[in-house]
Amino acid sequence: MKELVIIIKDDTKVKLLMEILSLMDFVEVKKKESSGADKSKKSSGYDFFQSAGLFKNRQISASLLRKKAWRYC
C-alpha cells in the first residue's frame, strides 16, 4: 500500500477533492488537520540552547567518531 500526502493551498477546494477521492474504491481517505499553531507547539518542546556545552570537557574528534561509527556498520 502506498501513502500520498497532498497539500491543498486553497481551502475552498478541499471539499471537492475529498468528494472525488471518496468516490474511488481503491483510495482510502484520511483527513489530517494541520496548522501553524501545531508546528510551534512541537518546536517549543525542546530548547536547542540548553544543549550548549554538552561535550565541553570531552576529547572527541571527527576521526574518532568515524572510527567508532565504522565498528557498528
PDB file of N, CA and C in Angstrom:
ATOM      1  N   MET A   1       0.849  -1.170   0.000  1.00  0.00           N
ATOM      2  CA  MET A   1       0.000   0.000   0.000  1.00  0.00           C
ATOM      3  C   MET A   1       0.897   1.237   0.000  1.00  0.00           C
ATOM      4  N   LYS A   2       0.569   2.192  -0.800  1.00  0.00           N
ATOM      5  CA  LYS A   2       1.302   3.453  -0.889  1.00  0.00           C
ATOM      6  C   LYS A   2       0.524   4.536  -0.170  1.00  0.00           C
ATOM      7  N   GLU A   3       1.253   5.476   0.392  1.00  0.00           N
ATOM      8  CA  GLU A   3       0.627   6.606   1.074  1.00  0.00           C
ATOM      9  C   GLU A   3       1.054   7.880   0.368  1.00  0.00           C
ATOM     10  N   LEU A   4       0.108   8.763   0.154  1.00  0.00           N
ATOM     11  CA  LEU A   4       0.355  10.001  -0.567  1.00  0.00           C
ATOM     12  C   LEU A   4      -0.125  11.166   0.281  1.00  0.00           C
ATOM     13  N   VAL A   5       0.706  12.162   0.432  1.00  0.00           N
ATOM     14  CA  VAL A   5       0.337  13.362   1.177  1.00  0.00           C
ATOM     15  C   VAL A   5       0.079  14.474   0.177  1.00  0.00           C
ATOM     16  N   ILE A   6      -1.083  15.087   0.282  1.00  0.00           N
ATOM     17  CA  ILE A   6      -1.456  16.171  -0.622  1.00  0.00           C
ATOM     18  C   ILE A   6      -1.625  17.440   0.196  1.00  0.00           C
ATOM     19  N   ILE A   7      -0.952  18.486  -0.206  1.00  0.00           N
ATOM     20  CA  ILE A   7      -1.077  19.783   0.455  1.00  0.00           C
ATOM     21  C   ILE A   7      -1.953  20.660  -0.418  1.00  0.00           C
ATOM     22  N   ILE A   8      -3.064  21.085   0.142  1.00  0.00           N
ATOM     23  CA  ILE A   8      -4.030  21.885  -0.610  1.00  0.00           C
ATOM     24  C   ILE A   8      -3.877  23.338  -0.193  1.00  0.00           C
ATOM     25  N   LYS A   9      -3.525  24.175  -1.142  1.00  0.00           N
ATOM     26  CA  LYS A   9      -3.275  25.584  -0.858  1.00  0.00           C
ATOM     27  C   LYS A   9      -4.558  26.383  -0.679  1.00  0.00           C
ATOM     28  N   ASP A  10      -5.588  26.019  -1.416  1.00  0.00           N
ATOM     29  CA  ASP A  10      -6.847  26.761  -1.382  1.00  0.00           C
ATOM     30  C   ASP A  10      -7.875  25.963  -0.580  1.00  0.00           C
ATOM     31  N   ASP A  11      -8.258  26.469   0.589  1.00  0.00           N
ATOM     32  CA  ASP A  11      -9.186  25.757   1.467  1.00  0.00           C
ATOM     33  C   ASP A  11     -10.558  25.534   0.843  1.00  0.00           C
ATOM     34  N   THR A  12     -10.916  26.339  -0.124  1.00  0.00           N
ATOM     35  CA  THR A  12     -12.234  26.183  -0.747  1.00  0.00           C
ATOM     36  C   THR A  12     -12.304  24.940  -1.627  1.00  0.00           C
ATOM     37  N   LYS A  13     -11.173  24.389  -2.003  1.00  0.00           N
ATOM     38  CA  LYS A  13     -11.134  23.215  -2.893  1.00  0.00           C
ATOM     39  C   LYS A  13     -11.070  21.891  -2.130  1.00  0.00           C
ATOM     40  N   VAL A  14     -10.940  21.943  -0.828  1.00  0.00           N
ATOM     41  CA  VAL A  14     -10.783  20.726  -0.035  1.00  0.00           C
ATOM     42  C   VAL A  14     -11.994  19.814  -0.171  1.00  0.00           C
ATOM     43  N   LYS A  15     -13.170  20.362  -0.029  1.00  0.00           N
ATOM     44  CA  LYS A  15     -14.392  19.558  -0.078  1.00  0.00           C
ATOM     45  C   LYS A  15     -14.534  18.849  -1.425  1.00  0.00           C
ATOM     46  N   LEU A  16     -14.272  19.557  -2.500  1.00  0.00           N
ATOM     47  CA  LEU A  16     -14.368  18.974  -3.839  1.00  0.00           C
ATOM     48  C   LEU A  16     -13.392  17.809  -4.003  1.00  0.00           C
ATOM     49  N   LEU A  17     -12.168  18.021  -3.608  1.00  0.00           N
ATOM     50  CA  LEU A  17     -11.161  16.972  -3.738  1.00  0.00           C
ATOM     51  C   LEU A  17     -11.508  15.762  -2.874  1.00  0.00           C
ATOM     52  N   MET A  18     -11.981  15.981  -1.664  1.00  0.00           N
ATOM     53  CA  MET A  18     -12.363  14.878  -0.783  1.00  0.00           C
ATOM     54  C   MET A  18     -13.512  14.068  -1.381  1.00  0.00           C
ATOM     55  N   GLU A  19     -14.470  14.744  -1.999  1.00  0.00           N
ATOM     56  CA  GLU A  19     -15.590  14.042  -2.632  1.00  0.00           C
ATOM     57  C   GLU A  19     -15.118  13.189  -3.807  1.00  0.00           C
ATOM     58  N   ILE A  20     -14.233  13.742  -4.609  1.00  0.00           N
ATOM     59  CA  ILE A  20     -13.709  12.999  -5.766  1.00  0.00           C
ATOM     60  C   ILE A  20     -12.939  11.763  -5.302  1.00  0.00           C
ATOM     61  N   LEU A  21     -12.082  11.933  -4.314  1.00  0.00           N
ATOM     62  CA  LEU A  21     -11.282  10.810  -3.828  1.00  0.00           C
ATOM     63  C   LEU A  21     -12.137   9.747  -3.152  1.00  0.00           C
ATOM     64  N   SER A  22     -13.179  10.159  -2.452  1.00  0.00           N
ATOM     65  CA  SER A  22     -14.031   9.180  -1.764  1.00  0.00           C
ATOM     66  C   SER A  22     -14.839   8.333  -2.745  1.00  0.00           C
ATOM     67  N   LEU A  23     -15.024   8.794  -3.967  1.00  0.00           N
ATOM     68  CA  LEU A  23     -15.741   8.021  -4.981  1.00  0.00           C
ATOM     69  C   LEU A  23     -14.896   6.883  -5.555  1.00  0.00           C
ATOM     70  N   MET A  24     -13.604   6.953  -5.390  1.00  0.00           N
ATOM     71  CA  MET A  24     -12.708   5.922  -5.921  1.00  0.00           C
ATOM     72  C   MET A  24     -12.596   4.790  -4.910  1.00  0.00           C
ATOM     73  N   ASP A  25     -12.904   3.577  -5.340  1.00  0.00           N
ATOM     74  CA  ASP A  25     -12.919   2.445  -4.417  1.00  0.00           C
ATOM     75  C   ASP A  25     -11.521   1.982  -3.997  1.00  0.00           C
ATOM     76  N   PHE A  26     -10.498   2.366  -4.702  1.00  0.00           N
ATOM     77  CA  PHE A  26      -9.139   1.962  -4.365  1.00  0.00           C
ATOM     78  C   PHE A  26      -8.404   2.992  -3.512  1.00  0.00           C
ATOM     79  N   VAL A  27      -9.101   4.056  -3.103  1.00  0.00           N
ATOM     80  CA  VAL A  27      -8.484   5.121  -2.312  1.00  0.00           C
ATOM     81  C   VAL A  27      -9.145   5.170  -0.941  1.00  0.00           C
ATOM     82  N   GLU A  28      -8.335   5.176   0.100  1.00  0.00           N
ATOM     83  CA  GLU A  28      -8.819   5.363   1.459  1.00  0.00           C
ATOM     84  C   GLU A  28      -8.450   6.783   1.873  1.00  0.00           C
ATOM     85  N   VAL A  29      -9.428   7.562   2.267  1.00  0.00           N
ATOM     86  CA  VAL A  29      -9.206   8.968   2.589  1.00  0.00           C
ATOM     87  C   VAL A  29      -9.077   9.127   4.096  1.00  0.00           C
ATOM     88  N   LYS A  30      -7.956   9.703   4.523  1.00  0.00           N
ATOM     89  CA  LYS A  30      -7.736  10.040   5.927  1.00  0.00           C
ATOM     90  C   LYS A  30      -7.465  11.532   5.982  1.00  0.00           C
ATOM     91  N   LYS A  31      -8.262  12.235   6.723  1.00  0.00           N
ATOM     92  CA  LYS A  31      -8.114  13.682   6.796  1.00  0.00           C
ATOM     93  C   LYS A  31      -7.277  14.043   8.013  1.00  0.00           C
ATOM     94  N   LYS A  32      -6.269  14.861   7.793  1.00  0.00           N
ATOM     95  CA  LYS A  32      -5.395  15.291   8.869  1.00  0.00           C
ATOM     96  C   LYS A  32      -5.336  16.807   8.846  1.00  0.00           C
ATOM     97  N   GLU A  33      -5.749  17.410   9.927  1.00  0.00           N
ATOM     98  CA  GLU A  33      -5.718  18.867  10.027  1.00  0.00           C
ATOM     99  C   GLU A  33      -4.327  19.304  10.472  1.00  0.00           C
ATOM    100  N   SER A  34      -3.828  20.344   9.860  1.00  0.00           N
ATOM    101  CA  SER A  34      -2.552  20.909  10.289  1.00  0.00           C
ATOM    102  C   SER A  34      -2.653  22.417  10.247  1.00  0.00           C
ATOM    103  N   SER A  35      -1.986  23.025  11.199  1.00  0.00           N
ATOM    104  CA  SER A  35      -1.985  24.483  11.244  1.00  0.00           C
ATOM    105  C   SER A  35      -0.645  24.965  11.764  1.00  0.00           C
ATOM    106  N   GLY A  36      -0.399  26.234  11.649  1.00  0.00           N
ATOM    107  CA  GLY A  36       0.843  26.820  12.136  1.00  0.00           C
ATOM    108  C   GLY A  36       0.982  26.697  13.635  1.00  0.00           C
ATOM    109  N   ALA A  37      -0.129  26.690  14.367  1.00  0.00           N
ATOM    110  CA  ALA A  37      -0.090  26.582  15.821  1.00  0.00           C
ATOM    111  C   ALA A  37       0.463  25.229  16.254  1.00  0.00           C
ATOM    112  N   ASP A  38       0.142  24.161  15.528  1.00  0.00           N
ATOM    113  CA  ASP A  38       0.647  22.840  15.865  1.00  0.00           C
ATOM    114  C   ASP A  38       2.161  22.770  15.704  1.00  0.00           C
ATOM    115  N   LYS A  39       2.675  23.383  14.669  1.00  0.00           N
ATOM    116  CA  LYS A  39       4.108  23.359  14.425  1.00  0.00           C
ATOM    117  C   LYS A  39       4.864  24.088  15.527  1.00  0.00           C
ATOM    118  N   SER A  40       4.327  25.192  16.012  1.00  0.00           N
ATOM    119  CA  SER A  40       5.020  25.941  17.055  1.00  0.00           C
ATOM    120  C   SER A  40       5.033  25.174  18.365  1.00  0.00           C
ATOM    121  N   LYS A  41       4.011  24.373  18.646  1.00  0.00           N
ATOM    122  CA  LYS A  41       3.990  23.568  19.860  1.00  0.00           C
ATOM    123  C   LYS A  41       5.091  22.517  19.824  1.00  0.00           C
ATOM    124  N   LYS A  42       5.298  21.907  18.672  1.00  0.00           N
ATOM    125  CA  LYS A  42       6.324  20.883  18.548  1.00  0.00           C
ATOM    126  C   LYS A  42       7.712  21.473  18.753  1.00  0.00           C
ATOM    127  N   SER A  43       7.972  22.605  18.157  1.00  0.00           N
ATOM    128  CA  SER A  43       9.302  23.186  18.252  1.00  0.00           C
ATOM    129  C   SER A  43       9.571  23.793  19.620  1.00  0.00           C
ATOM    130  N   SER A  44       8.535  24.182  20.365  1.00  0.00           N
ATOM    131  CA  SER A  44       8.756  24.800  21.664  1.00  0.00           C
ATOM    132  C   SER A  44       9.028  23.766  22.751  1.00  0.00           C
ATOM    133  N   GLY A  45       8.894  22.478  22.452  1.00  0.00           N
ATOM    134  CA  GLY A  45       9.114  21.437  23.439  1.00  0.00           C
ATOM    135  C   GLY A  45      10.581  21.252  23.790  1.00  0.00           C
ATOM    136  N   TYR A  46      11.479  21.664  22.944  1.00  0.00           N
ATOM    137  CA  TYR A  46      12.905  21.471  23.177  1.00  0.00           C
ATOM    138  C   TYR A  46      13.641  22.771  22.920  1.00  0.00           C
ATOM    139  N   ASP A  47      14.472  23.164  23.867  1.00  0.00           N
ATOM    140  CA  ASP A  47      15.260  24.378  23.719  1.00  0.00           C
ATOM    141  C   ASP A  47      16.666  23.984  23.268  1.00  0.00           C
ATOM    142  N   PHE A  48      16.991  24.324  22.048  1.00  0.00           N
ATOM    143  CA  PHE A  48      18.277  23.963  21.456  1.00  0.00           C
ATOM    144  C   PHE A  48      19.450  24.484  22.289  1.00  0.00           C
ATOM    145  N   PHE A  49      19.332  25.663  22.831  1.00  0.00           N
ATOM    146  CA  PHE A  49      20.436  26.289  23.547  1.00  0.00           C
ATOM    147  C   PHE A  49      20.699  25.652  24.911  1.00  0.00           C
ATOM    148  N   GLN A  50      19.801  24.806  25.394  1.00  0.00           N
ATOM    149  CA  GLN A  50      20.058  24.075  26.631  1.00  0.00           C
ATOM    150  C   GLN A  50      21.164  23.033  26.434  1.00  0.00           C
ATOM    151  N   SER A  51      21.440  22.674  25.184  1.00  0.00           N
ATOM    152  CA  SER A  51      22.469  21.680  24.883  1.00  0.00           C
ATOM    153  C   SER A  51      23.866  22.291  24.796  1.00  0.00           C
ATOM    154  N   ALA A  52      23.974  23.582  24.950  1.00  0.00           N
ATOM    155  CA  ALA A  52      25.277  24.248  24.855  1.00  0.00           C
ATOM    156  C   ALA A  52      26.220  23.687  25.916  1.00  0.00           C
ATOM    157  N   GLY A  53      27.418  23.333  25.496  1.00  0.00           N
ATOM    158  CA  GLY A  53      28.424  22.816  26.415  1.00  0.00           C
ATOM    159  C   GLY A  53      28.262  21.342  26.737  1.00  0.00           C
ATOM    160  N   LEU A  54      27.453  20.639  26.017  1.00  0.00           N
ATOM    161  CA  LEU A  54      27.201  19.226  26.287  1.00  0.00           C
ATOM    162  C   LEU A  54      28.484  18.391  26.191  1.00  0.00           C
ATOM    163  N   PHE A  55      29.337  18.702  25.234  1.00  0.00           N
ATOM    164  CA  PHE A  55      30.590  17.971  25.040  1.00  0.00           C
ATOM    165  C   PHE A  55      31.797  18.821  25.442  1.00  0.00           C
ATOM    166  N   LYS A  56      31.625  19.684  26.401  1.00  0.00           N
ATOM    167  CA  LYS A  56      32.634  20.683  26.759  1.00  0.00           C
ATOM    168  C   LYS A  56      33.987  20.068  27.134  1.00  0.00           C
ATOM    169  N   ASN A  57      34.053  19.202  28.084  1.00  0.00           N
ATOM    170  CA  ASN A  57      35.332  18.666  28.559  1.00  0.00           C
ATOM    171  C   ASN A  57      35.572  17.237  28.083  1.00  0.00           C
ATOM    172  N   ARG A  58      35.175  16.947  26.863  1.00  0.00           N
ATOM    173  CA  ARG A  58      35.361  15.610  26.316  1.00  0.00           C
ATOM    174  C   ARG A  58      36.294  15.678  25.116  1.00  0.00           C
ATOM    175  N   GLN A  59      37.142  14.684  25.008  1.00  0.00           N
ATOM    176  CA  GLN A  59      38.094  14.621  23.902  1.00  0.00           C
ATOM    177  C   GLN A  59      37.453  13.861  22.740  1.00  0.00           C
ATOM    178  N   ILE A  60      36.772  14.583  21.874  1.00  0.00           N
ATOM    179  CA  ILE A  60      36.098  13.975  20.731  1.00  0.00           C
ATOM    180  C   ILE A  60      36.556  14.679  19.465  1.00  0.00           C
ATOM    181  N   SER A  61      36.951  13.885  18.476  1.00  0.00           N
ATOM    182  CA  SER A  61      37.343  14.452  17.187  1.00  0.00           C
ATOM    183  C   SER A  61      36.545  13.757  16.085  1.00  0.00           C
ATOM    184  N   ALA A  62      36.569  14.330  14.918  1.00  0.00           N
ATOM    185  CA  ALA A  62      35.847  13.750  13.785  1.00  0.00           C
ATOM    186  C   ALA A  62      36.408  12.377  13.431  1.00  0.00           C
ATOM    187  N   SER A  63      37.726  12.224  13.471  1.00  0.00           N
ATOM    188  CA  SER A  63      38.323  10.928  13.124  1.00  0.00           C
ATOM    189  C   SER A  63      37.955   9.856  14.149  1.00  0.00           C
ATOM    190  N   LEU A  64      37.896  10.212  15.417  1.00  0.00           N
ATOM    191  CA  LEU A  64      37.495   9.259  16.450  1.00  0.00           C
ATOM    192  C   LEU A  64      36.039   8.827  16.254  1.00  0.00           C
ATOM    193  N   LEU A  65      35.189   9.765  15.937  1.00  0.00           N
ATOM    194  CA  LEU A  65      33.786   9.435  15.679  1.00  0.00           C
ATOM    195  C   LEU A  65      33.647   8.512  14.473  1.00  0.00           C
ATOM    196  N   ARG A  66      34.433   8.758  13.429  1.00  0.00           N
ATOM    197  CA  ARG A  66      34.384   7.900  12.243  1.00  0.00           C
ATOM    198  C   ARG A  66      34.820   6.468  12.572  1.00  0.00           C
ATOM    199  N   LYS A  67      35.907   6.340  13.340  1.00  0.00           N
ATOM    200  CA  LYS A  67      36.397   5.006  13.711  1.00  0.00           C
ATOM    201  C   LYS A  67      35.342   4.238  14.496  1.00  0.00           C
ATOM    202  N   LYS A  68      34.724   4.904  15.453  1.00  0.00           N
ATOM    203  CA  LYS A  68      33.703   4.238  16.266  1.00  0.00           C
ATOM    204  C   LYS A  68      32.466   3.904  15.440  1.00  0.00           C
ATOM    205  N   ALA A  69      32.115   4.762  14.523  1.00  0.00           N
ATOM    206  CA  ALA A  69      30.931   4.520  13.701  1.00  0.00           C
ATOM    207  C   ALA A  69      31.131   3.314  12.791  1.00  0.00           C
ATOM    208  N   TRP A  70      32.334   3.149  12.235  1.00  0.00           N
ATOM    209  CA  TRP A  70      32.582   2.039  11.320  1.00  0.00           C
ATOM    210  C   TRP A  70      32.595   0.698  12.043  1.00  0.00           C
ATOM    211  N   ARG A  71      32.814   0.695  13.344  1.00  0.00           N
ATOM    212  CA  ARG A  71      32.776  -0.555  14.097  1.00  0.00           C
ATOM    213  C   ARG A  71      31.390  -1.177  14.079  1.00  0.00           C
ATOM    214  N   TYR A  72      30.371  -0.344  14.043  1.00  0.00           N
ATOM    215  CA  TYR A  72      28.997  -0.828  14.164  1.00  0.00           C
ATOM    216  C   TYR A  72      28.300  -0.998  12.824  1.00  0.00           C
ATOM    217  N   CYS A  73      28.988  -0.726  11.723  1.00  0.00           N
ATOM    218  CA  CYS A  73      28.357  -0.874  10.399  1.00  0.00           C
ATOM    219  C   CYS A  73      28.528  -2.253   9.846  1.00  0.00           C
TER     220      CYS A  73
END
